[in-house]
Amino acid sequence: MTSPRQWIDALWLFFGVYWLASAIKRKKTKQRETMLQRLGYTAPLGLGFYLLYQPHPLYGWLMYRFLPAGPVGAWLGVALTAGGVAVAFWARWHLGTNWSGVVTLKEGHELIRTGPYRAMRHPIYTGILLALLGTAITFGEVRALLAVVLAWFSFYIKARREELFLSQEFGAGFAEHKQRTGMFLPRLS
């Protein structure tokens, strides 16, 4: 691999393989969102990745560059993508068998407050968003920035639903955790 684009593609492939492998061992589901609810956040996320990887967008303005092409920005993007993937892996490891790709409560669900969850309630989304931002910087086109915005919107919808489930399950414990942590970034106060 010699080009930033090859590194980006490899990082996302590595992410996908890890995600699939780590999804094998999970707790049994106690409560799950509906398919319609899931579509509400998977559709914008899918559209974002489509925009990012569509070789010939329908609208030419999507290919306008927001950054000039060059190695400094491209490699900075690779570094941010790698950092984002690392944050997502770290957070996923701390969730352990409580993780699910859909909004669920597991049997024996635990409120995780270790690792990145000490400071953020949704560090997996933070990691993915950072990785997408890095990818957008490497690609340098408007469509990549739009993909980041769509992913943020998708994760915001999903995170709000997850927090409803966690509030129902953990009550005051989750309310206290929510006061001490930020949703996607650490709380500064």
C-alpha atoms as a PDB file:
ATOM      1  CA  MET A   1       0.000   0.000   0.000  1.00  0.00           C
ATOM      2  CA  THR A   2       1.472   3.254  -1.041  1.00  0.00           C
ATOM      3  CA  SER A   3      -1.359   5.716  -1.570  1.00  0.00           C
ATOM      4  CA  PRO A   4      -3.501   7.378   1.086  1.00  0.00           C
ATOM      5  CA  ARG A   5      -6.614   6.003  -0.646  1.00  0.00           C
ATOM      6  CA  GLN A   6      -5.280   2.437  -0.352  1.00  0.00           C
ATOM      7  CA  TRP A   7      -4.661   3.005   3.358  1.00  0.00           C
ATOM      8  CA  ILE A   8      -8.174   4.393   3.819  1.00  0.00           C
ATOM      9  CA  ASP A   9      -9.705   1.394   2.046  1.00  0.00           C
ATOM     10  CA  ALA A  10      -7.585  -1.006   4.119  1.00  0.00           C
ATOM     11  CA  LEU A  11      -8.563   0.701   7.380  1.00  0.00           C
ATOM     12  CA  TRP A  12     -12.279   0.436   6.550  1.00  0.00           C
ATOM     13  CA  LEU A  13     -11.836  -3.206   5.522  1.00  0.00           C
ATOM     14  CA  PHE A  14     -10.015  -3.898   8.803  1.00  0.00           C
ATOM     15  CA  PHE A  15     -12.840  -2.148  10.650  1.00  0.00           C
ATOM     16  CA  GLY A  16     -15.482  -4.276   8.896  1.00  0.00           C
ATOM     17  CA  VAL A  17     -13.672  -7.553   9.566  1.00  0.00           C
ATOM     18  CA  TYR A  18     -13.170  -6.713  13.246  1.00  0.00           C
ATOM     19  CA  TRP A  19     -16.803  -5.661  13.591  1.00  0.00           C
ATOM     20  CA  LEU A  20     -18.080  -8.898  12.068  1.00  0.00           C
ATOM     21  CA  ALA A  21     -15.723 -11.050  14.136  1.00  0.00           C
ATOM     22  CA  SER A  22     -16.563  -9.262  17.390  1.00  0.00           C
ATOM     23  CA  ALA A  23     -20.306  -9.572  16.743  1.00  0.00           C
ATOM     24  CA  ILE A  24     -20.199 -13.360  17.116  1.00  0.00           C
ATOM     25  CA  LYS A  25     -20.286 -13.384  20.917  1.00  0.00           C
ATOM     26  CA  ARG A  26     -23.162 -11.320  22.343  1.00  0.00           C
ATOM     27  CA  LYS A  27     -25.707 -11.658  25.105  1.00  0.00           C
ATOM     28  CA  LYS A  28     -29.265 -12.650  24.262  1.00  0.00           C
ATOM     29  CA  THR A  29     -31.628  -9.828  23.402  1.00  0.00           C
ATOM     30  CA  LYS A  30     -34.316  -8.808  25.887  1.00  0.00           C
ATOM     31  CA  GLN A  31     -35.788  -5.800  24.040  1.00  0.00           C
ATOM     32  CA  ARG A  32     -35.271  -4.536  20.470  1.00  0.00           C
ATOM     33  CA  GLU A  33     -36.275  -1.536  18.383  1.00  0.00           C
ATOM     34  CA  THR A  34     -38.649  -2.049  15.456  1.00  0.00           C
ATOM     35  CA  MET A  35     -37.485  -2.438  11.856  1.00  0.00           C
ATOM     36  CA  LEU A  36     -39.083   0.908  10.977  1.00  0.00           C
ATOM     37  CA  GLN A  37     -37.168   2.620  13.777  1.00  0.00           C
ATOM     38  CA  ARG A  38     -33.963   1.024  12.533  1.00  0.00           C
ATOM     39  CA  LEU A  39     -34.602   2.233   8.995  1.00  0.00           C
ATOM     40  CA  GLY A  40     -34.748   5.800  10.368  1.00  0.00           C
ATOM     41  CA  TYR A  41     -30.999   5.782  11.025  1.00  0.00           C
ATOM     42  CA  THR A  42     -29.694   3.142   8.630  1.00  0.00           C
ATOM     43  CA  ALA A  43     -31.071   4.950   5.558  1.00  0.00           C
ATOM     44  CA  PRO A  44     -29.069   8.187   6.104  1.00  0.00           C
ATOM     45  CA  LEU A  45     -25.970   6.152   7.028  1.00  0.00           C
ATOM     46  CA  GLY A  46     -26.290   4.048   3.877  1.00  0.00           C
ATOM     47  CA  LEU A  47     -26.768   7.189   1.790  1.00  0.00           C
ATOM     48  CA  GLY A  48     -23.639   8.682   3.348  1.00  0.00           C
ATOM     49  CA  PHE A  49     -21.488   5.682   2.466  1.00  0.00           C
ATOM     50  CA  TYR A  50     -23.029   5.592  -1.006  1.00  0.00           C
ATOM     51  CA  LEU A  51     -22.046   9.236  -1.544  1.00  0.00           C
ATOM     52  CA  LEU A  52     -18.569   8.543  -0.249  1.00  0.00           C
ATOM     53  CA  TYR A  53     -17.851   5.569  -2.489  1.00  0.00           C
ATOM     54  CA  GLN A  54     -20.009   6.320  -5.560  1.00  0.00           C
ATOM     55  CA  PRO A  55     -17.442   6.801  -8.336  1.00  0.00           C
ATOM     56  CA  HIS A  56     -19.650   9.060 -10.488  1.00  0.00           C
ATOM     57  CA  PRO A  57     -22.126  11.118  -8.436  1.00  0.00           C
ATOM     58  CA  LEU A  58     -25.230  12.354 -10.244  1.00  0.00           C
ATOM     59  CA  TYR A  59     -24.516  15.975  -9.357  1.00  0.00           C
ATOM     60  CA  GLY A  60     -21.167  17.462 -10.361  1.00  0.00           C
ATOM     61  CA  TRP A  61     -21.034  19.845  -7.387  1.00  0.00           C
ATOM     62  CA  LEU A  62     -20.641  16.814  -5.100  1.00  0.00           C
ATOM     63  CA  MET A  63     -17.171  16.311  -6.559  1.00  0.00           C
ATOM     64  CA  TYR A  64     -16.017  19.896  -5.911  1.00  0.00           C
ATOM     65  CA  ARG A  65     -12.977  19.939  -3.696  1.00  0.00           C
ATOM     66  CA  PHE A  66     -13.144  21.594  -0.303  1.00  0.00           C
ATOM     67  CA  LEU A  67      -9.425  20.941   0.163  1.00  0.00           C
ATOM     68  CA  PRO A  68      -6.741  21.181  -2.471  1.00  0.00           C
ATOM     69  CA  ALA A  69      -5.327  17.820  -3.539  1.00  0.00           C
ATOM     70  CA  GLY A  70      -1.984  17.106  -1.944  1.00  0.00           C
ATOM     71  CA  PRO A  71      -0.106  14.654   0.234  1.00  0.00           C
ATOM     72  CA  VAL A  72      -0.268  16.593   3.523  1.00  0.00           C
ATOM     73  CA  GLY A  73      -4.065  16.666   3.716  1.00  0.00           C
ATOM     74  CA  ALA A  74      -4.370  13.137   2.364  1.00  0.00           C
ATOM     75  CA  TRP A  75      -2.015  11.642   4.957  1.00  0.00           C
ATOM     76  CA  LEU A  76      -3.563  13.727   7.740  1.00  0.00           C
ATOM     77  CA  GLY A  77      -6.873  12.155   6.728  1.00  0.00           C
ATOM     78  CA  VAL A  78      -5.337   8.676   6.910  1.00  0.00           C
ATOM     79  CA  ALA A  79      -4.058   9.414  10.427  1.00  0.00           C
ATOM     80  CA  LEU A  80      -7.503  10.656  11.546  1.00  0.00           C
ATOM     81  CA  THR A  81      -9.174   7.619  10.000  1.00  0.00           C
ATOM     82  CA  ALA A  82      -6.764   5.296  11.817  1.00  0.00           C
ATOM     83  CA  GLY A  83      -7.329   7.186  15.077  1.00  0.00           C
ATOM     84  CA  GLY A  84     -11.099   6.986  14.666  1.00  0.00           C
ATOM     85  CA  VAL A  85     -10.985   3.267  13.955  1.00  0.00           C
ATOM     86  CA  ALA A  86      -8.810   2.804  17.063  1.00  0.00           C
ATOM     87  CA  VAL A  87     -11.312   4.723  19.243  1.00  0.00           C
ATOM     88  CA  ALA A  88     -14.202   2.640  17.872  1.00  0.00           C
ATOM     89  CA  PHE A  89     -12.287  -0.614  18.537  1.00  0.00           C
ATOM     90  CA  TRP A  90     -11.413   0.512  22.082  1.00  0.00           C
ATOM     91  CA  ALA A  91     -15.038   1.375  22.815  1.00  0.00           C
ATOM     92  CA  ARG A  92     -16.329  -1.847  21.228  1.00  0.00           C
ATOM     93  CA  TRP A  93     -13.920  -3.891  23.361  1.00  0.00           C
ATOM     94  CA  HIS A  94     -15.230  -2.220  26.535  1.00  0.00           C
ATOM     95  CA  LEU A  95     -18.854  -2.957  25.584  1.00  0.00           C
ATOM     96  CA  GLY A  96     -18.045  -6.634  25.271  1.00  0.00           C
ATOM     97  CA  THR A  97     -21.116  -8.865  25.000  1.00  0.00           C
ATOM     98  CA  ASN A  98     -23.484  -5.916  25.616  1.00  0.00           C
ATOM     99  CA  TRP A  99     -22.872  -4.660  22.062  1.00  0.00           C
ATOM    100  CA  SER A 100     -25.460  -4.916  19.309  1.00  0.00           C
ATOM    101  CA  GLY A 101     -25.690  -3.459  15.835  1.00  0.00           C
ATOM    102  CA  VAL A 102     -29.297  -2.492  16.503  1.00  0.00           C
ATOM    103  CA  VAL A 103     -30.781  -0.704  19.494  1.00  0.00           C
ATOM    104  CA  THR A 104     -31.405  -3.421  22.061  1.00  0.00           C
ATOM    105  CA  LEU A 105     -31.283  -4.267  25.712  1.00  0.00           C
ATOM    106  CA  LYS A 106     -29.546  -7.522  26.481  1.00  0.00           C
ATOM    107  CA  GLU A 107     -30.313 -10.042  29.186  1.00  0.00           C
ATOM    108  CA  GLY A 108     -28.096  -8.994  32.080  1.00  0.00           C
ATOM    109  CA  HIS A 109     -27.285  -5.709  30.310  1.00  0.00           C
ATOM    110  CA  GLU A 110     -24.650  -3.635  32.071  1.00  0.00           C
ATOM    111  CA  LEU A 111     -24.126   0.124  32.077  1.00  0.00           C
ATOM    112  CA  ILE A 112     -20.520   0.412  30.905  1.00  0.00           C
ATOM    113  CA  ARG A 113     -18.473   3.196  32.513  1.00  0.00           C
ATOM    114  CA  THR A 114     -14.951   2.043  31.702  1.00  0.00           C
ATOM    115  CA  GLY A 115     -12.503   3.059  28.993  1.00  0.00           C
ATOM    116  CA  PRO A 116     -13.912   5.775  26.741  1.00  0.00           C
ATOM    117  CA  TYR A 117     -17.341   5.359  28.386  1.00  0.00           C
ATOM    118  CA  ARG A 118     -15.981   7.225  31.424  1.00  0.00           C
ATOM    119  CA  ALA A 119     -16.145  10.428  29.371  1.00  0.00           C
ATOM    120  CA  MET A 120     -18.601   9.748  26.500  1.00  0.00           C
ATOM    121  CA  ARG A 121     -21.852   7.852  26.183  1.00  0.00           C
ATOM    122  CA  HIS A 122     -21.361   6.869  22.522  1.00  0.00           C
ATOM    123  CA  PRO A 123     -17.624   6.593  21.799  1.00  0.00           C
ATOM    124  CA  ILE A 124     -18.104   4.024  19.023  1.00  0.00           C
ATOM    125  CA  TYR A 125     -20.009   6.648  17.053  1.00  0.00           C
ATOM    126  CA  THR A 126     -17.329   9.202  17.913  1.00  0.00           C
ATOM    127  CA  GLY A 127     -14.665   6.881  16.541  1.00  0.00           C
ATOM    128  CA  ILE A 128     -16.600   6.163  13.353  1.00  0.00           C
ATOM    129  CA  LEU A 129     -17.299   9.876  12.837  1.00  0.00           C
ATOM    130  CA  LEU A 130     -13.620  10.720  13.336  1.00  0.00           C
ATOM    131  CA  ALA A 131     -12.689   7.985  10.850  1.00  0.00           C
ATOM    132  CA  LEU A 132     -15.240   9.344   8.370  1.00  0.00           C
ATOM    133  CA  LEU A 133     -13.905  12.871   8.833  1.00  0.00           C
ATOM    134  CA  GLY A 134     -10.403  11.569   8.117  1.00  0.00           C
ATOM    135  CA  THR A 135     -11.699   9.809   5.026  1.00  0.00           C
ATOM    136  CA  ALA A 136     -13.434  13.027   3.933  1.00  0.00           C
ATOM    137  CA  ILE A 137     -10.186  14.968   4.344  1.00  0.00           C
ATOM    138  CA  THR A 138      -8.296  12.385   2.296  1.00  0.00           C
ATOM    139  CA  PHE A 139     -10.925  12.419  -0.463  1.00  0.00           C
ATOM    140  CA  GLY A 140     -11.217  16.209  -0.267  1.00  0.00           C
ATOM    141  CA  GLU A 141     -14.602  16.386  -2.015  1.00  0.00           C
ATOM    142  CA  VAL A 142     -17.899  17.933  -0.885  1.00  0.00           C
ATOM    143  CA  ARG A 143     -19.661  14.561  -1.092  1.00  0.00           C
ATOM    144  CA  ALA A 144     -17.336  13.210   1.601  1.00  0.00           C
ATOM    145  CA  LEU A 145     -18.259  16.061   3.956  1.00  0.00           C
ATOM    146  CA  LEU A 146     -21.922  15.405   3.225  1.00  0.00           C
ATOM    147  CA  ALA A 147     -21.336  11.743   4.133  1.00  0.00           C
ATOM    148  CA  VAL A 148     -19.961  12.831   7.533  1.00  0.00           C
ATOM    149  CA  VAL A 149     -23.023  15.020   8.163  1.00  0.00           C
ATOM    150  CA  LEU A 150     -25.390  12.173   7.219  1.00  0.00           C
ATOM    151  CA  ALA A 151     -23.512   9.753   9.486  1.00  0.00           C
ATOM    152  CA  TRP A 152     -23.662  12.230  12.386  1.00  0.00           C
ATOM    153  CA  PHE A 153     -27.418  12.624  11.843  1.00  0.00           C
ATOM    154  CA  SER A 154     -27.845   8.843  11.735  1.00  0.00           C
ATOM    155  CA  PHE A 155     -25.825   8.288  14.913  1.00  0.00           C
ATOM    156  CA  TYR A 156     -27.653  11.089  16.707  1.00  0.00           C
ATOM    157  CA  ILE A 157     -31.013   9.417  16.000  1.00  0.00           C
ATOM    158  CA  LYS A 158     -29.690   6.023  17.065  1.00  0.00           C
ATOM    159  CA  ALA A 159     -27.986   7.385  20.204  1.00  0.00           C
ATOM    160  CA  ARG A 160     -31.190   9.101  21.368  1.00  0.00           C
ATOM    161  CA  ARG A 161     -33.086   5.818  21.039  1.00  0.00           C
ATOM    162  CA  GLU A 162     -30.340   3.929  22.879  1.00  0.00           C
ATOM    163  CA  GLU A 163     -30.521   6.466  25.672  1.00  0.00           C
ATOM    164  CA  LEU A 164     -34.272   5.924  26.002  1.00  0.00           C
ATOM    165  CA  PHE A 165     -33.659   2.194  26.420  1.00  0.00           C
ATOM    166  CA  LEU A 166     -30.839   2.791  28.918  1.00  0.00           C
ATOM    167  CA  SER A 167     -32.953   5.270  30.904  1.00  0.00           C
ATOM    168  CA  GLN A 168     -35.733   2.693  31.179  1.00  0.00           C
ATOM    169  CA  GLU A 169     -33.297  -0.020  32.240  1.00  0.00           C
ATOM    170  CA  PHE A 170     -30.970   1.872  34.593  1.00  0.00           C
ATOM    171  CA  GLY A 171     -33.052   4.868  35.751  1.00  0.00           C
ATOM    172  CA  ALA A 172     -31.121   7.092  38.148  1.00  0.00           C
ATOM    173  CA  GLY A 173     -27.835   5.317  37.378  1.00  0.00           C
ATOM    174  CA  PHE A 174     -28.024   6.282  33.733  1.00  0.00           C
ATOM    175  CA  ALA A 175     -29.273   9.800  34.587  1.00  0.00           C
ATOM    176  CA  GLU A 176     -26.162  10.318  36.740  1.00  0.00           C
ATOM    177  CA  HIS A 177     -23.910   8.903  33.994  1.00  0.00           C
ATOM    178  CA  LYS A 178     -25.571  11.205  31.456  1.00  0.00           C
ATOM    179  CA  GLN A 179     -24.861  14.265  33.639  1.00  0.00           C
ATOM    180  CA  ARG A 180     -21.158  13.390  33.885  1.00  0.00           C
ATOM    181  CA  THR A 181     -20.549  12.495  30.233  1.00  0.00           C
ATOM    182  CA  GLY A 182     -21.018  13.990  26.803  1.00  0.00           C
ATOM    183  CA  MET A 183     -22.915  12.245  24.046  1.00  0.00           C
ATOM    184  CA  PHE A 184     -20.164  12.118  21.392  1.00  0.00           C
ATOM    185  CA  LEU A 185     -17.434  14.214  22.997  1.00  0.00           C
ATOM    186  CA  PRO A 186     -16.234  14.384  26.600  1.00  0.00           C
ATOM    187  CA  ARG A 187     -18.115  16.895  28.754  1.00  0.00           C
ATOM    188  CA  LEU A 188     -15.842  19.844  29.440  1.00  0.00           C
ATOM    189  CA  SER A 189     -17.466  21.087  32.641  1.00  0.00           C
END
